[in-house]
Amino acid sequence: MNTLELASHGPVIPVIVINRLDDAVPMAQALVDGGVRVLEVTLRTPVALRCMEAIARAVPEAIVGAGTVRSVADAQAARDAGCRFAVSPGYLHEVGIACHELGLPLLPGVSTGSEVMQANADGYDFLKFFPATAAGGIPMLKALAGPFPDVAFCPTGGITPETAPQFLALPNVRVCGGSWLTPSDAVEARDWGRITQLARETAKLRRG
């Protein structure tokens, strides 16, 4: 799978933090039931890898990826857990090469022209623009389109359901990353119906 294929499954990739292993499968199923299949589970909690394994095993319709991949070891662990892609908050040559060698599609994070060039040099032309809002948002993405007309982006960080269509309207944006699909209060309450409804609403987002 090429990471650009992820954009074909819907306009938003949820950025998910899971604190309880028991939440992983019902949360993933709730998102899939709402029409969101591509799930980025971040490596920010002690149970993250086990959550990825559980989702990959129990929710076959889900396309599970590992977020916050910061090292070669993270990439290997993600692959071993059954992840089908990886997402990094920044770009390191050694991580990019390791993902190539592992056959693990990587969506590498960038926020500057230099980082775009570094990722390009290693064969990556679909990149995560992070943190999107703090790093310049829509004006920055428009500026990057000039010198990098062949690069596509997935802006992530600070994007809301209200601003997502504005980002999606940019020619160099294919999909957005968003954390609003799994709000912490809904997860804490195990309100999976609310998450399914948020997923349904998100799946309907159109380019502004």
N, C-alpha and C. Protein backbone atom coordinates (compact mmCIF):
# COMPACT_ATOMS: atom_id res chain seq x y z
N MET A 1 0.83 -1.19 0.00
CA MET A 1 0.00 0.00 0.00
C MET A 1 0.87 1.25 0.00
N ASN A 2 0.49 2.20 -0.85
CA ASN A 2 1.10 3.52 -0.83
C ASN A 2 0.29 4.40 0.11
N THR A 3 0.97 5.23 0.92
CA THR A 3 0.22 6.04 1.88
C THR A 3 -0.81 6.94 1.22
N LEU A 4 -0.59 7.33 -0.03
CA LEU A 4 -1.54 8.19 -0.72
C LEU A 4 -2.90 7.50 -0.87
N GLU A 5 -2.88 6.16 -0.86
CA GLU A 5 -4.13 5.42 -0.94
C GLU A 5 -5.01 5.67 0.28
N LEU A 6 -4.40 6.06 1.39
CA LEU A 6 -5.18 6.31 2.60
C LEU A 6 -6.22 7.39 2.36
N ALA A 7 -5.88 8.36 1.52
CA ALA A 7 -6.80 9.46 1.25
C ALA A 7 -8.05 9.01 0.50
N SER A 8 -7.99 7.86 -0.15
CA SER A 8 -9.14 7.39 -0.92
C SER A 8 -10.26 6.86 -0.03
N HIS A 9 -9.96 6.68 1.26
CA HIS A 9 -10.96 6.10 2.17
C HIS A 9 -11.77 7.14 2.93
N GLY A 10 -11.50 8.42 2.72
CA GLY A 10 -12.26 9.45 3.41
C GLY A 10 -11.42 10.68 3.65
N PRO A 11 -12.07 11.79 4.00
CA PRO A 11 -11.36 13.06 4.09
C PRO A 11 -10.54 13.27 5.36
N VAL A 12 -10.77 12.43 6.38
CA VAL A 12 -10.07 12.65 7.66
C VAL A 12 -9.52 11.34 8.21
N ILE A 13 -8.28 11.39 8.69
CA ILE A 13 -7.68 10.28 9.42
C ILE A 13 -7.70 10.64 10.90
N PRO A 14 -8.43 9.88 11.72
CA PRO A 14 -8.47 10.21 13.14
C PRO A 14 -7.12 9.94 13.82
N VAL A 15 -6.72 10.87 14.66
CA VAL A 15 -5.51 10.72 15.46
C VAL A 15 -5.96 10.29 16.86
N ILE A 16 -5.64 9.05 17.22
CA ILE A 16 -6.27 8.41 18.38
C ILE A 16 -5.26 8.14 19.50
N VAL A 17 -5.62 8.52 20.71
CA VAL A 17 -4.85 8.19 21.90
C VAL A 17 -5.71 7.24 22.74
N ILE A 18 -5.19 6.05 23.03
CA ILE A 18 -5.97 5.06 23.80
C ILE A 18 -5.24 4.76 25.11
N ASN A 19 -5.94 4.95 26.21
CA ASN A 19 -5.35 4.73 27.53
C ASN A 19 -5.73 3.38 28.13
N ARG A 20 -6.84 2.80 27.66
CA ARG A 20 -7.30 1.52 28.20
C ARG A 20 -7.40 0.51 27.07
N LEU A 21 -6.76 -0.62 27.25
CA LEU A 21 -6.75 -1.66 26.22
C LEU A 21 -8.17 -2.09 25.86
N ASP A 22 -9.04 -2.15 26.84
CA ASP A 22 -10.41 -2.60 26.60
C ASP A 22 -11.19 -1.67 25.68
N ASP A 23 -10.71 -0.43 25.54
CA ASP A 23 -11.41 0.53 24.68
C ASP A 23 -11.06 0.36 23.20
N ALA A 24 -9.96 -0.30 22.91
CA ALA A 24 -9.42 -0.29 21.55
C ALA A 24 -10.40 -0.84 20.52
N VAL A 25 -10.87 -2.05 20.73
CA VAL A 25 -11.73 -2.68 19.72
C VAL A 25 -13.08 -1.99 19.59
N PRO A 26 -13.80 -1.69 20.68
CA PRO A 26 -15.08 -1.00 20.50
C PRO A 26 -14.93 0.39 19.90
N MET A 27 -13.85 1.10 20.21
CA MET A 27 -13.63 2.41 19.61
C MET A 27 -13.40 2.28 18.11
N ALA A 28 -12.55 1.33 17.74
CA ALA A 28 -12.27 1.12 16.32
C ALA A 28 -13.53 0.71 15.57
N GLN A 29 -14.33 -0.17 16.18
CA GLN A 29 -15.56 -0.61 15.53
C GLN A 29 -16.54 0.55 15.38
N ALA A 30 -16.59 1.43 16.39
CA ALA A 30 -17.47 2.59 16.32
C ALA A 30 -17.09 3.51 15.16
N LEU A 31 -15.79 3.71 14.97
CA LEU A 31 -15.32 4.55 13.87
C LEU A 31 -15.63 3.90 12.52
N VAL A 32 -15.36 2.61 12.40
CA VAL A 32 -15.64 1.89 11.16
C VAL A 32 -17.14 1.91 10.86
N ASP A 33 -17.96 1.72 11.89
CA ASP A 33 -19.42 1.75 11.70
C ASP A 33 -19.87 3.11 11.17
N GLY A 34 -19.11 4.15 11.51
CA GLY A 34 -19.44 5.49 11.02
C GLY A 34 -18.83 5.83 9.68
N GLY A 35 -18.13 4.88 9.08
CA GLY A 35 -17.56 5.09 7.75
C GLY A 35 -16.12 5.54 7.72
N VAL A 36 -15.44 5.52 8.88
CA VAL A 36 -14.02 5.90 8.95
C VAL A 36 -13.20 4.64 9.16
N ARG A 37 -12.41 4.27 8.15
CA ARG A 37 -11.67 3.00 8.20
C ARG A 37 -10.19 3.17 8.53
N VAL A 38 -9.60 4.30 8.16
CA VAL A 38 -8.17 4.51 8.38
C VAL A 38 -7.99 5.10 9.78
N LEU A 39 -7.27 4.37 10.63
CA LEU A 39 -7.13 4.75 12.04
C LEU A 39 -5.66 4.89 12.42
N GLU A 40 -5.28 6.08 12.85
CA GLU A 40 -3.92 6.30 13.34
C GLU A 40 -3.93 6.24 14.87
N VAL A 41 -3.39 5.17 15.41
CA VAL A 41 -3.30 5.00 16.87
C VAL A 41 -1.90 5.44 17.30
N THR A 42 -1.83 6.46 18.13
CA THR A 42 -0.53 7.04 18.48
C THR A 42 0.19 6.21 19.53
N LEU A 43 1.51 6.21 19.42
CA LEU A 43 2.36 5.52 20.39
C LEU A 43 2.63 6.42 21.59
N ARG A 44 1.57 6.90 22.20
CA ARG A 44 1.71 7.85 23.31
C ARG A 44 1.33 7.25 24.66
N THR A 45 0.88 6.00 24.66
CA THR A 45 0.48 5.37 25.91
C THR A 45 1.12 3.99 26.01
N PRO A 46 1.25 3.46 27.23
CA PRO A 46 1.88 2.15 27.40
C PRO A 46 1.15 1.00 26.71
N VAL A 47 -0.16 1.17 26.48
CA VAL A 47 -0.94 0.08 25.88
C VAL A 47 -1.10 0.22 24.37
N ALA A 48 -0.49 1.24 23.78
CA ALA A 48 -0.75 1.55 22.36
C ALA A 48 -0.50 0.37 21.44
N LEU A 49 0.65 -0.29 21.57
CA LEU A 49 0.97 -1.39 20.65
C LEU A 49 -0.01 -2.55 20.80
N ARG A 50 -0.39 -2.85 22.02
CA ARG A 50 -1.36 -3.92 22.22
C ARG A 50 -2.73 -3.53 21.66
N CYS A 51 -3.05 -2.24 21.73
CA CYS A 51 -4.30 -1.77 21.13
C CYS A 51 -4.28 -1.97 19.62
N MET A 52 -3.15 -1.62 18.99
CA MET A 52 -3.02 -1.80 17.55
C MET A 52 -3.20 -3.27 17.17
N GLU A 53 -2.55 -4.15 17.93
CA GLU A 53 -2.66 -5.59 17.68
C GLU A 53 -4.11 -6.04 17.78
N ALA A 54 -4.79 -5.59 18.83
CA ALA A 54 -6.17 -6.01 19.06
C ALA A 54 -7.08 -5.54 17.94
N ILE A 55 -6.89 -4.30 17.50
CA ILE A 55 -7.73 -3.76 16.42
C ILE A 55 -7.47 -4.51 15.12
N ALA A 56 -6.19 -4.72 14.81
CA ALA A 56 -5.84 -5.41 13.57
C ALA A 56 -6.44 -6.81 13.53
N ARG A 57 -6.52 -7.44 14.68
CA ARG A 57 -7.03 -8.81 14.75
C ARG A 57 -8.56 -8.85 14.74
N ALA A 58 -9.20 -7.92 15.48
CA ALA A 58 -10.64 -8.02 15.71
C ALA A 58 -11.50 -7.17 14.78
N VAL A 59 -10.89 -6.16 14.14
CA VAL A 59 -11.67 -5.27 13.26
C VAL A 59 -10.99 -5.26 11.89
N PRO A 60 -11.20 -6.32 11.10
CA PRO A 60 -10.49 -6.44 9.83
C PRO A 60 -10.79 -5.34 8.83
N GLU A 61 -11.93 -4.65 8.99
CA GLU A 61 -12.27 -3.57 8.05
C GLU A 61 -11.40 -2.34 8.30
N ALA A 62 -10.81 -2.25 9.47
CA ALA A 62 -9.99 -1.09 9.82
C ALA A 62 -8.61 -1.20 9.18
N ILE A 63 -8.09 -0.06 8.75
CA ILE A 63 -6.72 0.04 8.25
C ILE A 63 -5.93 0.72 9.36
N VAL A 64 -5.22 -0.07 10.14
CA VAL A 64 -4.59 0.44 11.36
C VAL A 64 -3.16 0.91 11.08
N GLY A 65 -2.86 2.10 11.58
CA GLY A 65 -1.51 2.63 11.48
C GLY A 65 -1.02 3.10 12.82
N ALA A 66 0.28 3.21 12.95
CA ALA A 66 0.90 3.68 14.18
C ALA A 66 1.32 5.13 14.03
N GLY A 67 0.88 5.98 14.95
CA GLY A 67 1.30 7.36 14.96
C GLY A 67 2.41 7.59 15.97
N THR A 68 3.01 8.76 15.91
CA THR A 68 4.12 9.13 16.81
C THR A 68 5.28 8.15 16.71
N VAL A 69 5.56 7.69 15.49
CA VAL A 69 6.72 6.83 15.26
C VAL A 69 7.96 7.71 15.20
N ARG A 70 8.85 7.55 16.17
CA ARG A 70 10.00 8.45 16.31
C ARG A 70 11.34 7.76 16.12
N SER A 71 11.35 6.43 15.98
CA SER A 71 12.62 5.71 15.89
C SER A 71 12.45 4.47 15.03
N VAL A 72 13.58 3.87 14.68
CA VAL A 72 13.55 2.60 13.94
C VAL A 72 12.86 1.53 14.77
N ALA A 73 13.11 1.53 16.08
CA ALA A 73 12.47 0.56 16.97
C ALA A 73 10.96 0.72 16.96
N ASP A 74 10.49 1.96 16.94
CA ASP A 74 9.05 2.21 16.87
C ASP A 74 8.47 1.63 15.58
N ALA A 75 9.17 1.84 14.48
CA ALA A 75 8.69 1.34 13.19
C ALA A 75 8.62 -0.18 13.19
N GLN A 76 9.64 -0.82 13.72
CA GLN A 76 9.65 -2.29 13.79
C GLN A 76 8.52 -2.81 14.67
N ALA A 77 8.31 -2.16 15.80
CA ALA A 77 7.25 -2.58 16.71
C ALA A 77 5.88 -2.41 16.07
N ALA A 78 5.72 -1.32 15.33
CA ALA A 78 4.45 -1.08 14.65
C ALA A 78 4.18 -2.17 13.62
N ARG A 79 5.20 -2.51 12.87
CA ARG A 79 5.06 -3.56 11.86
C ARG A 79 4.71 -4.89 12.53
N ASP A 80 5.39 -5.19 13.62
CA ASP A 80 5.14 -6.44 14.34
C ASP A 80 3.74 -6.50 14.92
N ALA A 81 3.18 -5.33 15.24
CA ALA A 81 1.84 -5.27 15.83
C ALA A 81 0.74 -5.40 14.78
N GLY A 82 1.12 -5.46 13.51
CA GLY A 82 0.13 -5.62 12.46
C GLY A 82 -0.30 -4.33 11.79
N CYS A 83 0.44 -3.24 12.06
CA CYS A 83 0.08 -1.97 11.44
C CYS A 83 0.36 -2.00 9.94
N ARG A 84 -0.47 -1.30 9.19
CA ARG A 84 -0.33 -1.26 7.74
C ARG A 84 0.31 0.03 7.24
N PHE A 85 0.50 0.98 8.15
CA PHE A 85 1.24 2.20 7.81
C PHE A 85 1.73 2.84 9.10
N ALA A 86 2.63 3.82 8.95
CA ALA A 86 3.17 4.54 10.10
C ALA A 86 3.12 6.03 9.82
N VAL A 87 3.05 6.81 10.89
CA VAL A 87 3.04 8.27 10.80
C VAL A 87 4.06 8.80 11.80
N SER A 88 4.90 9.73 11.35
CA SER A 88 5.90 10.30 12.26
C SER A 88 5.65 11.80 12.44
N PRO A 89 5.97 12.34 13.63
CA PRO A 89 5.74 13.77 13.86
C PRO A 89 6.77 14.67 13.18
N GLY A 90 7.91 14.10 12.82
CA GLY A 90 8.96 14.81 12.09
C GLY A 90 9.61 13.83 11.14
N TYR A 91 10.75 14.20 10.58
CA TYR A 91 11.40 13.28 9.64
C TYR A 91 12.84 13.01 10.02
N LEU A 92 13.19 11.73 10.09
CA LEU A 92 14.57 11.27 10.28
C LEU A 92 14.91 10.33 9.14
N HIS A 93 16.08 10.53 8.54
CA HIS A 93 16.53 9.68 7.44
C HIS A 93 16.49 8.21 7.83
N GLU A 94 17.00 7.89 9.03
CA GLU A 94 17.08 6.48 9.40
C GLU A 94 15.70 5.84 9.56
N VAL A 95 14.72 6.61 10.01
CA VAL A 95 13.36 6.07 10.13
C VAL A 95 12.75 5.88 8.74
N GLY A 96 12.96 6.85 7.87
CA GLY A 96 12.44 6.73 6.51
C GLY A 96 12.99 5.53 5.77
N ILE A 97 14.29 5.30 5.90
CA ILE A 97 14.93 4.16 5.23
C ILE A 97 14.47 2.85 5.86
N ALA A 98 14.35 2.84 7.19
CA ALA A 98 13.91 1.61 7.87
C ALA A 98 12.50 1.22 7.43
N CYS A 99 11.62 2.21 7.28
CA CYS A 99 10.26 1.90 6.84
C CYS A 99 10.25 1.34 5.42
N HIS A 100 11.12 1.90 4.55
CA HIS A 100 11.27 1.33 3.21
C HIS A 100 11.66 -0.14 3.32
N GLU A 101 12.65 -0.42 4.15
CA GLU A 101 13.18 -1.79 4.27
C GLU A 101 12.17 -2.74 4.90
N LEU A 102 11.34 -2.21 5.80
CA LEU A 102 10.33 -3.03 6.47
C LEU A 102 9.09 -3.24 5.59
N GLY A 103 9.00 -2.46 4.51
CA GLY A 103 7.78 -2.51 3.70
C GLY A 103 6.61 -1.88 4.43
N LEU A 104 6.91 -0.92 5.31
CA LEU A 104 5.87 -0.24 6.09
C LEU A 104 5.69 1.17 5.53
N PRO A 105 4.59 1.44 4.84
CA PRO A 105 4.38 2.77 4.28
C PRO A 105 4.42 3.83 5.37
N LEU A 106 5.14 4.91 5.11
CA LEU A 106 5.32 5.97 6.10
C LEU A 106 4.75 7.28 5.60
N LEU A 107 4.02 7.95 6.48
CA LEU A 107 3.56 9.32 6.25
C LEU A 107 4.41 10.20 7.17
N PRO A 108 5.50 10.77 6.66
CA PRO A 108 6.43 11.48 7.52
C PRO A 108 6.01 12.92 7.78
N GLY A 109 6.27 13.38 8.99
CA GLY A 109 5.92 14.73 9.37
C GLY A 109 6.95 15.75 8.95
N VAL A 110 6.48 16.90 8.48
CA VAL A 110 7.35 18.01 8.09
C VAL A 110 6.67 19.32 8.47
N SER A 111 7.47 20.37 8.66
CA SER A 111 6.87 21.69 8.88
C SER A 111 7.68 22.79 8.19
N THR A 112 8.77 22.41 7.51
CA THR A 112 9.60 23.40 6.80
C THR A 112 9.99 22.89 5.43
N GLY A 113 10.46 23.81 4.58
CA GLY A 113 10.93 23.43 3.26
C GLY A 113 12.10 22.47 3.32
N SER A 114 12.98 22.66 4.27
CA SER A 114 14.15 21.77 4.39
C SER A 114 13.72 20.34 4.71
N GLU A 115 12.72 20.21 5.59
CA GLU A 115 12.25 18.86 5.92
C GLU A 115 11.55 18.21 4.72
N VAL A 116 10.83 19.01 3.96
CA VAL A 116 10.21 18.48 2.74
C VAL A 116 11.28 17.93 1.81
N MET A 117 12.36 18.69 1.64
CA MET A 117 13.46 18.25 0.76
C MET A 117 14.12 16.98 1.27
N GLN A 118 14.30 16.89 2.59
CA GLN A 118 14.92 15.69 3.16
C GLN A 118 14.04 14.46 2.93
N ALA A 119 12.74 14.61 3.14
CA ALA A 119 11.83 13.49 2.92
C ALA A 119 11.77 13.13 1.43
N ASN A 120 11.72 14.15 0.57
CA ASN A 120 11.73 13.92 -0.88
C ASN A 120 12.95 13.12 -1.31
N ALA A 121 14.12 13.47 -0.75
CA ALA A 121 15.37 12.80 -1.13
C ALA A 121 15.33 11.31 -0.83
N ASP A 122 14.51 10.92 0.15
CA ASP A 122 14.39 9.50 0.51
C ASP A 122 13.17 8.84 -0.12
N GLY A 123 12.53 9.55 -1.07
CA GLY A 123 11.46 8.93 -1.83
C GLY A 123 10.06 9.19 -1.33
N TYR A 124 9.88 10.16 -0.44
CA TYR A 124 8.56 10.45 0.11
C TYR A 124 8.00 11.74 -0.49
N ASP A 125 6.81 11.65 -1.07
CA ASP A 125 6.19 12.85 -1.65
C ASP A 125 4.75 13.06 -1.18
N PHE A 126 4.29 12.26 -0.22
CA PHE A 126 3.03 12.51 0.49
C PHE A 126 3.39 12.65 1.95
N LEU A 127 3.24 13.87 2.49
CA LEU A 127 3.80 14.21 3.79
C LEU A 127 2.74 14.75 4.75
N LYS A 128 2.97 14.50 6.02
CA LYS A 128 2.12 15.08 7.07
C LYS A 128 2.66 16.47 7.41
N PHE A 129 1.81 17.48 7.29
CA PHE A 129 2.20 18.84 7.68
C PHE A 129 1.78 19.03 9.13
N PHE A 130 2.76 19.10 10.03
CA PHE A 130 2.49 19.10 11.47
C PHE A 130 3.47 20.00 12.21
N PRO A 131 3.01 20.72 13.23
CA PRO A 131 1.62 20.92 13.64
C PRO A 131 0.96 21.97 12.74
N ALA A 132 -0.06 21.59 12.04
CA ALA A 132 -0.57 22.38 10.91
C ALA A 132 -0.90 23.82 11.27
N THR A 133 -1.75 24.01 12.26
CA THR A 133 -2.17 25.37 12.59
C THR A 133 -1.02 26.19 13.15
N ALA A 134 -0.26 25.61 14.07
CA ALA A 134 0.85 26.33 14.69
C ALA A 134 1.97 26.62 13.71
N ALA A 135 2.13 25.76 12.69
CA ALA A 135 3.23 25.91 11.73
C ALA A 135 2.87 26.79 10.53
N GLY A 136 1.74 27.45 10.58
CA GLY A 136 1.41 28.38 9.49
C GLY A 136 0.12 28.09 8.76
N GLY A 137 -0.47 26.93 9.02
CA GLY A 137 -1.79 26.62 8.47
C GLY A 137 -1.90 26.75 6.96
N ILE A 138 -3.02 27.25 6.52
CA ILE A 138 -3.32 27.36 5.10
C ILE A 138 -2.32 28.24 4.36
N PRO A 139 -1.94 29.42 4.89
CA PRO A 139 -0.94 30.23 4.18
C PRO A 139 0.38 29.49 3.95
N MET A 140 0.81 28.69 4.93
CA MET A 140 2.06 27.95 4.77
C MET A 140 1.92 26.86 3.70
N LEU A 141 0.80 26.17 3.69
CA LEU A 141 0.59 25.14 2.68
C LEU A 141 0.53 25.75 1.27
N LYS A 142 -0.07 26.93 1.16
CA LYS A 142 -0.08 27.62 -0.13
C LYS A 142 1.34 28.00 -0.55
N ALA A 143 2.14 28.44 0.43
CA ALA A 143 3.53 28.82 0.13
C ALA A 143 4.35 27.61 -0.30
N LEU A 144 4.13 26.47 0.33
CA LEU A 144 4.89 25.26 0.00
C LEU A 144 4.53 24.74 -1.39
N ALA A 145 3.33 25.06 -1.86
CA ALA A 145 2.90 24.57 -3.18
C ALA A 145 3.76 25.14 -4.30
N GLY A 146 4.34 26.31 -4.09
CA GLY A 146 5.16 26.92 -5.13
C GLY A 146 6.41 26.11 -5.46
N PRO A 147 7.31 25.93 -4.49
CA PRO A 147 8.53 25.18 -4.78
C PRO A 147 8.34 23.67 -4.81
N PHE A 148 7.20 23.20 -4.29
CA PHE A 148 6.98 21.74 -4.23
C PHE A 148 5.64 21.38 -4.88
N PRO A 149 5.49 21.61 -6.18
CA PRO A 149 4.21 21.34 -6.83
C PRO A 149 3.88 19.85 -6.93
N ASP A 150 4.88 19.01 -6.72
CA ASP A 150 4.69 17.57 -6.83
C ASP A 150 4.49 16.89 -5.48
N VAL A 151 4.35 17.67 -4.42
CA VAL A 151 4.20 17.12 -3.07
C VAL A 151 2.78 17.31 -2.58
N ALA A 152 2.20 16.26 -1.98
CA ALA A 152 0.87 16.33 -1.38
C ALA A 152 1.01 16.26 0.14
N PHE A 153 0.01 16.82 0.83
CA PHE A 153 0.10 16.92 2.28
C PHE A 153 -1.15 16.41 2.98
N CYS A 154 -0.93 15.96 4.22
CA CYS A 154 -1.99 15.65 5.17
C CYS A 154 -1.76 16.56 6.37
N PRO A 155 -2.40 17.73 6.41
CA PRO A 155 -2.22 18.61 7.57
C PRO A 155 -2.86 18.02 8.82
N THR A 156 -2.16 18.09 9.92
CA THR A 156 -2.62 17.54 11.20
C THR A 156 -2.18 18.47 12.32
N GLY A 157 -3.08 18.69 13.28
CA GLY A 157 -2.72 19.50 14.43
C GLY A 157 -3.49 20.80 14.46
N GLY A 158 -4.49 20.87 15.34
CA GLY A 158 -5.28 22.08 15.48
C GLY A 158 -6.40 22.23 14.48
N ILE A 159 -6.66 21.21 13.68
CA ILE A 159 -7.73 21.27 12.69
C ILE A 159 -9.05 20.85 13.33
N THR A 160 -10.11 21.52 12.97
CA THR A 160 -11.44 21.26 13.53
C THR A 160 -12.41 20.89 12.40
N PRO A 161 -13.60 20.40 12.76
CA PRO A 161 -14.59 20.11 11.71
C PRO A 161 -14.94 21.36 10.89
N GLU A 162 -14.82 22.53 11.51
CA GLU A 162 -15.14 23.78 10.82
C GLU A 162 -14.04 24.19 9.84
N THR A 163 -12.77 23.97 10.22
CA THR A 163 -11.67 24.40 9.35
C THR A 163 -11.22 23.32 8.37
N ALA A 164 -11.58 22.06 8.63
CA ALA A 164 -11.13 20.97 7.75
C ALA A 164 -11.49 21.21 6.28
N PRO A 165 -12.72 21.64 5.95
CA PRO A 165 -13.03 21.86 4.53
C PRO A 165 -12.14 22.91 3.87
N GLN A 166 -11.70 23.90 4.65
CA GLN A 166 -10.82 24.94 4.10
C GLN A 166 -9.45 24.34 3.74
N PHE A 167 -8.95 23.45 4.60
CA PHE A 167 -7.69 22.77 4.29
C PHE A 167 -7.87 21.84 3.10
N LEU A 168 -8.98 21.10 3.10
CA LEU A 168 -9.21 20.13 2.02
C LEU A 168 -9.40 20.80 0.67
N ALA A 169 -9.74 22.09 0.68
CA ALA A 169 -9.93 22.82 -0.58
C ALA A 169 -8.61 23.12 -1.28
N LEU A 170 -7.49 23.02 -0.56
CA LEU A 170 -6.20 23.32 -1.17
C LEU A 170 -5.80 22.21 -2.13
N PRO A 171 -5.26 22.54 -3.30
CA PRO A 171 -4.90 21.53 -4.30
C PRO A 171 -3.84 20.54 -3.80
N ASN A 172 -2.99 20.95 -2.87
CA ASN A 172 -1.92 20.05 -2.41
C ASN A 172 -2.28 19.30 -1.13
N VAL A 173 -3.55 19.37 -0.72
CA VAL A 173 -4.01 18.62 0.46
C VAL A 173 -4.92 17.48 0.02
N ARG A 174 -4.61 16.28 0.46
CA ARG A 174 -5.40 15.11 0.07
C ARG A 174 -6.35 14.64 1.18
N VAL A 175 -5.94 14.84 2.43
CA VAL A 175 -6.71 14.37 3.58
C VAL A 175 -6.19 15.13 4.79
N CYS A 176 -7.01 15.22 5.84
CA CYS A 176 -6.59 15.89 7.07
C CYS A 176 -6.50 14.87 8.20
N GLY A 177 -5.68 15.17 9.19
CA GLY A 177 -5.66 14.41 10.42
C GLY A 177 -6.44 15.16 11.47
N GLY A 178 -7.22 14.45 12.30
CA GLY A 178 -8.02 15.13 13.30
C GLY A 178 -8.22 14.30 14.55
N SER A 179 -8.17 14.97 15.70
CA SER A 179 -8.38 14.27 16.97
C SER A 179 -9.81 14.42 17.49
N TRP A 180 -10.64 15.19 16.78
CA TRP A 180 -11.98 15.46 17.30
C TRP A 180 -12.92 14.26 17.17
N LEU A 181 -12.54 13.24 16.41
CA LEU A 181 -13.42 12.09 16.25
C LEU A 181 -13.51 11.22 17.50
N THR A 182 -12.50 11.31 18.35
CA THR A 182 -12.49 10.50 19.57
C THR A 182 -12.27 11.40 20.79
N PRO A 183 -13.23 12.28 21.09
CA PRO A 183 -13.06 13.20 22.22
C PRO A 183 -12.89 12.44 23.53
N SER A 184 -12.03 12.97 24.38
CA SER A 184 -11.66 12.25 25.60
C SER A 184 -12.86 11.96 26.50
N ASP A 185 -13.83 12.88 26.56
CA ASP A 185 -14.97 12.63 27.44
C ASP A 185 -15.84 11.49 26.91
N ALA A 186 -15.96 11.38 25.59
CA ALA A 186 -16.73 10.28 25.01
C ALA A 186 -16.03 8.95 25.24
N VAL A 187 -14.71 8.95 25.10
CA VAL A 187 -13.95 7.72 25.32
C VAL A 187 -14.03 7.32 26.79
N GLU A 188 -13.87 8.29 27.67
CA GLU A 188 -13.92 8.00 29.11
C GLU A 188 -15.26 7.39 29.50
N ALA A 189 -16.33 7.90 28.88
CA ALA A 189 -17.67 7.39 29.17
C ALA A 189 -18.02 6.16 28.34
N ARG A 190 -17.12 5.77 27.46
CA ARG A 190 -17.37 4.66 26.53
C ARG A 190 -18.66 4.89 25.73
N ASP A 191 -18.81 6.13 25.28
CA ASP A 191 -19.98 6.51 24.49
C ASP A 191 -19.66 6.26 23.02
N TRP A 192 -19.69 5.00 22.64
CA TRP A 192 -19.29 4.62 21.28
C TRP A 192 -20.29 5.12 20.24
N GLY A 193 -21.55 5.28 20.64
CA GLY A 193 -22.54 5.81 19.71
C GLY A 193 -22.22 7.23 19.28
N ARG A 194 -21.72 8.03 20.21
CA ARG A 194 -21.33 9.39 19.87
C ARG A 194 -20.16 9.40 18.89
N ILE A 195 -19.21 8.48 19.10
CA ILE A 195 -18.05 8.42 18.21
C ILE A 195 -18.48 7.97 16.81
N THR A 196 -19.42 7.04 16.74
CA THR A 196 -19.94 6.63 15.43
C THR A 196 -20.60 7.81 14.72
N GLN A 197 -21.36 8.61 15.48
CA GLN A 197 -22.02 9.76 14.88
C GLN A 197 -21.00 10.79 14.40
N LEU A 198 -19.96 11.04 15.18
CA LEU A 198 -18.91 11.97 14.76
C LEU A 198 -18.22 11.46 13.49
N ALA A 199 -18.01 10.14 13.43
CA ALA A 199 -17.39 9.55 12.24
C ALA A 199 -18.29 9.74 11.02
N ARG A 200 -19.59 9.55 11.20
CA ARG A 200 -20.53 9.73 10.08
C ARG A 200 -20.48 11.17 9.57
N GLU A 201 -20.46 12.12 10.50
CA GLU A 201 -20.41 13.53 10.11
C GLU A 201 -19.11 13.85 9.40
N THR A 202 -18.02 13.28 9.88
CA THR A 202 -16.71 13.54 9.28
C THR A 202 -16.61 12.94 7.89
N ALA A 203 -17.18 11.75 7.73
CA ALA A 203 -17.12 11.08 6.42
C ALA A 203 -17.84 11.88 5.35
N LYS A 204 -18.74 12.77 5.77
CA LYS A 204 -19.50 13.59 4.82
C LYS A 204 -18.80 14.89 4.46
N LEU A 205 -17.69 15.19 5.13
CA LEU A 205 -16.98 16.44 4.84
C LEU A 205 -16.59 16.48 3.37
N ARG A 206 -16.74 17.64 2.78
CA ARG A 206 -16.37 17.81 1.39
C ARG A 206 -15.35 18.94 1.28
N ARG A 207 -14.66 18.94 0.20
CA ARG A 207 -13.72 20.03 -0.02
C ARG A 207 -14.47 21.35 -0.10
N GLY A 208 -13.95 22.35 0.66
CA GLY A 208 -14.62 23.64 0.71
C GLY A 208 -14.45 24.43 -0.57
